[in-house]
Amino acid sequence: MTKEAKKEYCSGCYNDIYNGGMAKECWSLEGAELVMRKEVHVDQVPPWNQKARKFLSCYNKPRYCYMSPDRTC
């Protein structure tokens, strides 16, 4: 996957500010892989039944955790 294709998955990530602007690109972008994860808010109680979505392995959003697709608690 090209860096430009990976950048499409950066939207909403805490470190997306480094993709342009003051820096050339995020330092995690080159080694990032596309993975399936559940986005779980820190205040959400189990079971986590939402569907898994594609995220970059380095994706990070404040107050969210990223779980493997088969995990429910």
N, C-alpha and C. Protein backbone atom coordinates (compact mmCIF):
# COMPACT_ATOMS: atom_id res chain seq x y z
N MET A 1 0.85 -1.18 0.00
CA MET A 1 0.00 0.00 0.00
C MET A 1 0.90 1.24 0.00
N THR A 2 0.58 2.19 -0.84
CA THR A 2 1.39 3.41 -0.93
C THR A 2 1.12 4.33 0.26
N LYS A 3 2.02 5.25 0.50
CA LYS A 3 1.84 6.21 1.59
C LYS A 3 0.62 7.07 1.37
N GLU A 4 0.37 7.43 0.12
CA GLU A 4 -0.81 8.26 -0.17
C GLU A 4 -2.10 7.50 0.14
N ALA A 5 -2.13 6.21 -0.17
CA ALA A 5 -3.32 5.40 0.14
C ALA A 5 -3.48 5.26 1.66
N LYS A 6 -2.37 5.12 2.37
CA LYS A 6 -2.44 5.01 3.83
C LYS A 6 -2.96 6.30 4.46
N LYS A 7 -2.59 7.44 3.90
CA LYS A 7 -3.01 8.73 4.47
C LYS A 7 -4.52 8.89 4.48
N GLU A 8 -5.23 8.17 3.61
CA GLU A 8 -6.69 8.24 3.61
C GLU A 8 -7.27 7.68 4.91
N TYR A 9 -6.54 6.80 5.57
CA TYR A 9 -7.00 6.21 6.83
C TYR A 9 -6.54 7.00 8.05
N CYS A 10 -5.83 8.08 7.85
CA CYS A 10 -5.30 8.89 8.96
C CYS A 10 -6.32 9.87 9.53
N SER A 11 -7.37 10.15 8.80
CA SER A 11 -8.35 11.14 9.24
C SER A 11 -8.93 10.75 10.60
N GLY A 12 -8.86 11.68 11.55
CA GLY A 12 -9.37 11.44 12.89
C GLY A 12 -8.30 10.99 13.87
N CYS A 13 -7.15 10.56 13.36
CA CYS A 13 -6.07 10.13 14.23
C CYS A 13 -5.45 11.34 14.93
N TYR A 14 -5.05 11.15 16.15
CA TYR A 14 -4.43 12.22 16.93
C TYR A 14 -3.17 12.75 16.25
N ASN A 15 -2.41 11.90 15.60
CA ASN A 15 -1.16 12.29 14.96
C ASN A 15 -1.32 12.75 13.51
N ASP A 16 -2.54 12.88 13.03
CA ASP A 16 -2.75 13.31 11.64
C ASP A 16 -2.25 14.73 11.41
N ILE A 17 -2.05 15.50 12.45
CA ILE A 17 -1.55 16.87 12.29
C ILE A 17 -0.15 16.89 11.69
N TYR A 18 0.55 15.76 11.76
CA TYR A 18 1.91 15.70 11.20
C TYR A 18 1.92 15.38 9.71
N ASN A 19 0.78 15.05 9.13
CA ASN A 19 0.70 14.79 7.69
C ASN A 19 0.44 16.10 6.96
N GLY A 20 1.49 16.85 6.76
CA GLY A 20 1.37 18.18 6.17
C GLY A 20 1.55 19.22 7.25
N GLY A 21 1.48 20.45 6.88
CA GLY A 21 1.67 21.50 7.87
C GLY A 21 3.13 21.61 8.26
N MET A 22 3.42 21.50 9.55
CA MET A 22 4.79 21.71 10.06
C MET A 22 5.73 20.56 9.71
N ALA A 23 5.22 19.36 9.58
CA ALA A 23 6.07 18.20 9.28
C ALA A 23 5.71 17.64 7.91
N LYS A 24 6.62 16.89 7.34
CA LYS A 24 6.40 16.29 6.04
C LYS A 24 5.33 15.21 6.11
N GLU A 25 5.45 14.33 7.11
CA GLU A 25 4.46 13.28 7.31
C GLU A 25 4.61 12.70 8.71
N CYS A 26 3.61 11.98 9.14
CA CYS A 26 3.64 11.32 10.44
C CYS A 26 4.76 10.28 10.46
N TRP A 27 5.48 10.19 11.57
CA TRP A 27 6.61 9.27 11.67
C TRP A 27 6.17 7.81 11.69
N SER A 28 4.91 7.53 11.96
CA SER A 28 4.43 6.15 12.02
C SER A 28 3.91 5.65 10.68
N LEU A 29 3.76 6.53 9.72
CA LEU A 29 3.10 6.18 8.47
C LEU A 29 3.82 5.10 7.68
N GLU A 30 5.13 5.16 7.60
CA GLU A 30 5.86 4.21 6.76
C GLU A 30 5.69 2.76 7.21
N GLY A 31 5.71 2.50 8.49
CA GLY A 31 5.59 1.14 9.00
C GLY A 31 4.17 0.70 9.30
N ALA A 32 3.20 1.56 9.08
CA ALA A 32 1.81 1.25 9.41
C ALA A 32 1.24 0.20 8.47
N GLU A 33 0.38 -0.65 9.03
CA GLU A 33 -0.31 -1.68 8.26
C GLU A 33 -1.81 -1.49 8.45
N LEU A 34 -2.58 -1.91 7.49
CA LEU A 34 -4.03 -1.83 7.57
C LEU A 34 -4.54 -3.07 8.32
N VAL A 35 -5.27 -2.85 9.41
CA VAL A 35 -5.75 -3.95 10.25
C VAL A 35 -7.24 -3.74 10.56
N MET A 36 -7.91 -4.81 10.93
CA MET A 36 -9.31 -4.74 11.35
C MET A 36 -9.33 -4.61 12.87
N ARG A 37 -10.03 -3.60 13.38
CA ARG A 37 -10.11 -3.36 14.82
C ARG A 37 -11.51 -2.83 15.18
N LYS A 38 -11.88 -3.04 16.44
CA LYS A 38 -13.08 -2.42 17.00
C LYS A 38 -12.66 -1.16 17.71
N GLU A 39 -13.36 -0.07 17.46
CA GLU A 39 -13.09 1.19 18.15
C GLU A 39 -14.00 1.25 19.37
N VAL A 40 -13.40 1.23 20.56
CA VAL A 40 -14.16 1.16 21.81
C VAL A 40 -13.84 2.39 22.65
N HIS A 41 -14.87 3.14 23.02
CA HIS A 41 -14.69 4.30 23.89
C HIS A 41 -14.36 3.82 25.29
N VAL A 42 -13.53 4.56 26.01
CA VAL A 42 -13.09 4.14 27.33
C VAL A 42 -14.25 4.04 28.34
N ASP A 43 -15.35 4.73 28.09
CA ASP A 43 -16.50 4.67 28.99
C ASP A 43 -17.53 3.63 28.57
N GLN A 44 -17.29 2.92 27.48
CA GLN A 44 -18.23 1.91 27.00
C GLN A 44 -18.03 0.61 27.77
N VAL A 45 -19.12 0.08 28.32
CA VAL A 45 -19.04 -1.17 29.07
C VAL A 45 -19.23 -2.35 28.13
N PRO A 46 -18.63 -3.49 28.46
CA PRO A 46 -18.82 -4.68 27.63
C PRO A 46 -20.27 -5.12 27.68
N PRO A 47 -20.73 -5.84 26.72
CA PRO A 47 -19.99 -6.39 25.58
C PRO A 47 -19.81 -5.35 24.47
N TRP A 48 -18.70 -5.48 23.77
CA TRP A 48 -18.39 -4.60 22.65
C TRP A 48 -18.83 -5.30 21.37
N ASN A 49 -20.03 -5.03 20.95
CA ASN A 49 -20.62 -5.75 19.81
C ASN A 49 -20.55 -4.97 18.50
N GLN A 50 -19.92 -3.82 18.50
CA GLN A 50 -19.85 -3.07 17.25
C GLN A 50 -18.99 -3.82 16.23
N LYS A 51 -19.22 -3.52 14.97
CA LYS A 51 -18.48 -4.19 13.91
C LYS A 51 -17.06 -3.64 13.83
N ALA A 52 -16.14 -4.50 13.46
CA ALA A 52 -14.76 -4.09 13.26
C ALA A 52 -14.65 -3.29 11.97
N ARG A 53 -13.72 -2.34 11.96
CA ARG A 53 -13.47 -1.51 10.79
C ARG A 53 -11.98 -1.53 10.49
N LYS A 54 -11.62 -1.04 9.32
CA LYS A 54 -10.22 -0.97 8.93
C LYS A 54 -9.59 0.29 9.53
N PHE A 55 -8.46 0.10 10.20
CA PHE A 55 -7.67 1.18 10.76
C PHE A 55 -6.21 0.90 10.44
N LEU A 56 -5.40 1.94 10.45
CA LEU A 56 -3.96 1.73 10.40
C LEU A 56 -3.51 1.22 11.77
N SER A 57 -2.48 0.40 11.80
CA SER A 57 -2.01 -0.18 13.06
C SER A 57 -1.54 0.89 14.05
N CYS A 58 -1.19 2.07 13.57
CA CYS A 58 -0.71 3.15 14.44
C CYS A 58 -1.82 4.13 14.84
N TYR A 59 -3.05 3.93 14.37
CA TYR A 59 -4.15 4.87 14.60
C TYR A 59 -4.39 5.05 16.09
N ASN A 60 -4.56 6.30 16.50
CA ASN A 60 -4.73 6.64 17.91
C ASN A 60 -5.69 7.82 18.01
N LYS A 61 -6.70 7.67 18.84
CA LYS A 61 -7.69 8.73 19.05
C LYS A 61 -7.90 8.86 20.55
N PRO A 62 -7.88 10.06 21.09
CA PRO A 62 -8.04 10.23 22.53
C PRO A 62 -9.33 9.61 23.05
N ARG A 63 -9.22 8.91 24.17
CA ARG A 63 -10.32 8.26 24.88
C ARG A 63 -10.92 7.07 24.14
N TYR A 64 -10.17 6.49 23.21
CA TYR A 64 -10.60 5.28 22.51
C TYR A 64 -9.52 4.22 22.59
N CYS A 65 -9.95 2.97 22.61
CA CYS A 65 -9.06 1.82 22.55
C CYS A 65 -9.40 1.04 21.29
N TYR A 66 -8.45 0.30 20.78
CA TYR A 66 -8.65 -0.45 19.54
C TYR A 66 -8.41 -1.92 19.81
N MET A 67 -9.50 -2.69 19.73
CA MET A 67 -9.49 -4.11 20.10
C MET A 67 -9.52 -4.98 18.86
N SER A 68 -9.07 -6.22 19.02
CA SER A 68 -9.15 -7.19 17.94
C SER A 68 -10.62 -7.49 17.64
N PRO A 69 -10.94 -7.86 16.41
CA PRO A 69 -12.33 -8.02 16.00
C PRO A 69 -13.10 -9.10 16.77
N ASP A 70 -12.43 -10.11 17.27
CA ASP A 70 -13.13 -11.20 17.96
C ASP A 70 -13.33 -10.92 19.45
N ARG A 71 -12.85 -9.83 19.95
CA ARG A 71 -12.94 -9.52 21.37
C ARG A 71 -14.28 -8.84 21.70
N THR A 72 -14.94 -9.31 22.75
CA THR A 72 -16.21 -8.70 23.18
C THR A 72 -16.14 -8.15 24.61
N CYS A 73 -15.10 -8.49 25.35
CA CYS A 73 -14.92 -7.93 26.69
C CYS A 73 -13.50 -8.04 27.14
